[in-house]
């Protein structure tokens, strides 16, 4: 269930990212054996355009989805 939510969240940014100027491609893959494993690959025209994207609100949404997918960590006393 949790994996489906993250797939939906990440899927919602793929299309809008693909149409961004200087985005060469953006693809989301789901592992066939473990559907909780997702891979997002985006290719950019240059390092500068990648850096600009990494600072965008859209990328923050991607990071938030990735952060939510991490297992809860228990701190050691």
N, C-alpha and C. Protein backbone atom coordinates (compact mmCIF):
# COMPACT_ATOMS: atom_id res chain seq x y z
N UNK A 1 0.82 -1.20 0.00
CA UNK A 1 0.00 0.00 0.00
C UNK A 1 0.87 1.26 0.00
N UNK A 2 1.86 1.28 0.88
CA UNK A 2 2.74 2.44 0.97
C UNK A 2 3.46 2.67 -0.35
N UNK A 3 3.91 1.58 -0.99
CA UNK A 3 4.59 1.69 -2.27
C UNK A 3 3.71 2.28 -3.35
N UNK A 4 2.43 1.93 -3.34
CA UNK A 4 1.47 2.46 -4.32
C UNK A 4 1.34 3.98 -4.18
N UNK A 5 1.30 4.44 -2.93
CA UNK A 5 1.18 5.88 -2.68
C UNK A 5 2.39 6.62 -3.23
N UNK A 6 3.58 6.07 -3.01
CA UNK A 6 4.79 6.72 -3.50
C UNK A 6 4.88 6.66 -5.02
N UNK A 7 4.42 5.56 -5.60
CA UNK A 7 4.38 5.45 -7.05
C UNK A 7 3.47 6.52 -7.63
N UNK A 8 2.32 6.71 -7.01
CA UNK A 8 1.37 7.72 -7.48
C UNK A 8 1.97 9.13 -7.34
N UNK A 9 2.61 9.39 -6.21
CA UNK A 9 3.22 10.70 -5.98
C UNK A 9 4.32 10.98 -7.00
N UNK A 10 5.21 10.02 -7.17
CA UNK A 10 6.31 10.22 -8.12
C UNK A 10 5.81 10.28 -9.56
N UNK A 11 4.80 9.48 -9.87
CA UNK A 11 4.23 9.51 -11.22
C UNK A 11 3.66 10.89 -11.55
N UNK A 12 3.16 11.57 -10.53
CA UNK A 12 2.56 12.88 -10.76
C UNK A 12 3.58 13.95 -11.15
N UNK A 13 4.86 13.70 -10.92
CA UNK A 13 5.86 14.69 -11.30
C UNK A 13 6.60 14.34 -12.59
N UNK A 14 6.45 13.10 -13.05
CA UNK A 14 7.18 12.68 -14.26
C UNK A 14 6.74 13.47 -15.48
N UNK A 15 5.44 13.50 -15.76
CA UNK A 15 4.94 14.21 -16.94
C UNK A 15 5.32 15.69 -16.95
N UNK A 16 5.03 16.40 -15.86
CA UNK A 16 5.41 17.82 -15.83
C UNK A 16 6.92 18.04 -15.93
N UNK A 17 7.71 17.12 -15.42
CA UNK A 17 9.16 17.26 -15.52
C UNK A 17 9.62 17.05 -16.96
N UNK A 18 9.03 16.07 -17.63
CA UNK A 18 9.41 15.77 -19.03
C UNK A 18 9.26 16.97 -19.95
N UNK A 19 8.26 17.79 -19.71
CA UNK A 19 8.01 18.91 -20.62
C UNK A 19 8.79 20.17 -20.26
N UNK A 20 9.57 20.09 -19.19
CA UNK A 20 10.38 21.25 -18.82
C UNK A 20 11.46 21.50 -19.87
N UNK A 21 11.70 22.75 -20.11
CA UNK A 21 12.75 23.13 -21.05
C UNK A 21 14.08 22.56 -20.57
N UNK A 22 14.79 21.96 -21.46
CA UNK A 22 16.12 21.38 -21.23
C UNK A 22 16.10 20.04 -20.48
N UNK A 23 14.91 19.49 -20.24
CA UNK A 23 14.83 18.13 -19.71
C UNK A 23 14.84 17.19 -20.92
N UNK A 24 15.83 16.33 -20.98
CA UNK A 24 15.96 15.42 -22.12
C UNK A 24 15.07 14.19 -21.96
N UNK A 25 14.92 13.72 -20.73
CA UNK A 25 14.02 12.60 -20.45
C UNK A 25 13.79 12.48 -18.95
N UNK A 26 12.68 11.87 -18.60
CA UNK A 26 12.35 11.60 -17.20
C UNK A 26 11.52 10.33 -17.19
N UNK A 27 12.01 9.33 -16.48
CA UNK A 27 11.34 8.03 -16.46
C UNK A 27 11.28 7.49 -15.03
N UNK A 28 10.19 6.81 -14.75
CA UNK A 28 10.00 6.17 -13.45
C UNK A 28 9.85 4.67 -13.68
N UNK A 29 10.65 3.90 -12.97
CA UNK A 29 10.63 2.45 -13.10
C UNK A 29 10.23 1.82 -11.77
N UNK A 30 9.49 0.72 -11.87
CA UNK A 30 9.10 -0.05 -10.70
C UNK A 30 9.75 -1.42 -10.81
N UNK A 31 10.41 -1.86 -9.76
CA UNK A 31 11.06 -3.17 -9.75
C UNK A 31 10.01 -4.27 -9.90
N UNK A 32 10.29 -5.24 -10.75
CA UNK A 32 9.34 -6.32 -10.99
C UNK A 32 9.22 -7.28 -9.80
N UNK A 33 10.30 -7.45 -9.07
CA UNK A 33 10.30 -8.39 -7.95
C UNK A 33 9.86 -7.75 -6.64
N UNK A 34 10.12 -6.47 -6.50
CA UNK A 34 9.76 -5.76 -5.27
C UNK A 34 9.15 -4.42 -5.66
N UNK A 35 7.84 -4.33 -5.63
CA UNK A 35 7.15 -3.12 -6.08
C UNK A 35 7.36 -1.93 -5.15
N UNK A 36 8.04 -2.15 -4.03
CA UNK A 36 8.38 -1.03 -3.15
C UNK A 36 9.65 -0.32 -3.60
N UNK A 37 10.32 -0.87 -4.61
CA UNK A 37 11.54 -0.26 -5.13
C UNK A 37 11.20 0.50 -6.41
N UNK A 38 11.40 1.81 -6.36
CA UNK A 38 11.15 2.68 -7.51
C UNK A 38 12.45 3.37 -7.89
N UNK A 39 12.63 3.58 -9.18
CA UNK A 39 13.81 4.28 -9.68
C UNK A 39 13.35 5.41 -10.59
N UNK A 40 13.77 6.61 -10.28
CA UNK A 40 13.44 7.78 -11.09
C UNK A 40 14.72 8.26 -11.75
N UNK A 41 14.70 8.34 -13.07
CA UNK A 41 15.87 8.78 -13.82
C UNK A 41 15.47 9.97 -14.69
N UNK A 42 16.17 11.07 -14.50
CA UNK A 42 15.94 12.26 -15.32
C UNK A 42 17.27 12.68 -15.93
N UNK A 43 17.23 13.02 -17.20
CA UNK A 43 18.44 13.49 -17.89
C UNK A 43 18.23 14.95 -18.28
N UNK A 44 19.27 15.73 -18.07
CA UNK A 44 19.19 17.17 -18.31
C UNK A 44 20.25 17.59 -19.32
N UNK A 45 19.97 18.69 -19.97
CA UNK A 45 20.86 19.21 -21.01
C UNK A 45 22.24 19.56 -20.48
N UNK A 46 22.30 20.05 -19.25
CA UNK A 46 23.59 20.46 -18.68
C UNK A 46 23.54 20.35 -17.16
N UNK A 47 24.69 20.47 -16.57
CA UNK A 47 24.78 20.46 -15.10
C UNK A 47 24.00 21.64 -14.51
N UNK A 48 24.05 22.77 -15.19
CA UNK A 48 23.35 23.97 -14.71
C UNK A 48 21.83 23.75 -14.67
N UNK A 49 21.29 23.10 -15.70
CA UNK A 49 19.84 22.86 -15.69
C UNK A 49 19.47 21.81 -14.64
N UNK A 50 20.33 20.85 -14.42
CA UNK A 50 20.10 19.88 -13.34
C UNK A 50 20.10 20.60 -11.99
N UNK A 51 21.08 21.45 -11.77
CA UNK A 51 21.16 22.19 -10.51
C UNK A 51 19.92 23.05 -10.29
N UNK A 52 19.43 23.68 -11.34
CA UNK A 52 18.22 24.50 -11.23
C UNK A 52 17.03 23.63 -10.85
N UNK A 53 16.92 22.47 -11.47
CA UNK A 53 15.82 21.55 -11.16
C UNK A 53 15.89 21.07 -9.71
N UNK A 54 17.08 20.77 -9.23
CA UNK A 54 17.26 20.27 -7.86
C UNK A 54 16.80 21.32 -6.84
N UNK A 55 16.84 22.57 -7.20
CA UNK A 55 16.40 23.64 -6.29
C UNK A 55 14.92 23.98 -6.44
N UNK A 56 14.20 23.26 -7.29
CA UNK A 56 12.80 23.59 -7.59
C UNK A 56 11.82 22.96 -6.59
N UNK A 57 10.61 23.51 -6.56
CA UNK A 57 9.55 22.95 -5.73
C UNK A 57 9.20 21.53 -6.18
N UNK A 58 9.23 21.29 -7.48
CA UNK A 58 8.92 19.96 -8.01
C UNK A 58 9.89 18.93 -7.44
N UNK A 59 11.16 19.28 -7.38
CA UNK A 59 12.16 18.34 -6.85
C UNK A 59 11.96 18.14 -5.35
N UNK A 60 11.56 19.17 -4.65
CA UNK A 60 11.28 19.02 -3.21
C UNK A 60 10.15 18.02 -2.99
N UNK A 61 9.19 17.99 -3.89
CA UNK A 61 8.09 17.02 -3.82
C UNK A 61 8.64 15.60 -4.00
N UNK A 62 9.57 15.45 -4.92
CA UNK A 62 10.20 14.14 -5.14
C UNK A 62 10.96 13.71 -3.88
N UNK A 63 11.73 14.62 -3.31
CA UNK A 63 12.49 14.29 -2.11
C UNK A 63 11.57 13.93 -0.94
N UNK A 64 10.46 14.64 -0.82
CA UNK A 64 9.51 14.34 0.25
C UNK A 64 8.94 12.93 0.09
N UNK A 65 8.61 12.55 -1.13
CA UNK A 65 8.09 11.20 -1.39
C UNK A 65 9.14 10.15 -1.06
N UNK A 66 10.39 10.44 -1.42
CA UNK A 66 11.47 9.50 -1.12
C UNK A 66 11.68 9.38 0.39
N UNK A 67 11.62 10.50 1.08
CA UNK A 67 11.81 10.50 2.52
C UNK A 67 10.72 9.69 3.22
N UNK A 68 9.49 9.83 2.75
CA UNK A 68 8.38 9.08 3.34
C UNK A 68 8.51 7.58 3.11
N UNK A 69 9.23 7.21 2.07
CA UNK A 69 9.36 5.78 1.75
C UNK A 69 10.42 5.08 2.60
N UNK A 70 11.23 5.85 3.30
CA UNK A 70 12.27 5.24 4.13
C UNK A 70 11.64 4.56 5.35
N UNK A 71 12.19 3.41 5.74
CA UNK A 71 11.66 2.77 6.95
C UNK A 71 11.93 3.65 8.17
N UNK A 72 11.05 3.55 9.13
CA UNK A 72 11.25 4.32 10.37
C UNK A 72 12.52 3.85 11.04
N UNK A 73 13.36 4.81 11.39
CA UNK A 73 14.61 4.47 12.06
C UNK A 73 14.44 4.65 13.56
N UNK A 74 14.90 3.68 14.30
CA UNK A 74 14.86 3.79 15.75
C UNK A 74 16.22 4.27 16.21
N UNK A 75 16.20 5.27 17.06
CA UNK A 75 17.48 5.79 17.54
C UNK A 75 18.00 4.92 18.67
N UNK A 76 19.29 4.77 18.72
CA UNK A 76 19.92 4.01 19.80
C UNK A 76 20.14 4.91 20.99
N UNK A 77 19.73 4.46 22.19
CA UNK A 77 19.91 5.32 23.38
C UNK A 77 21.37 5.47 23.75
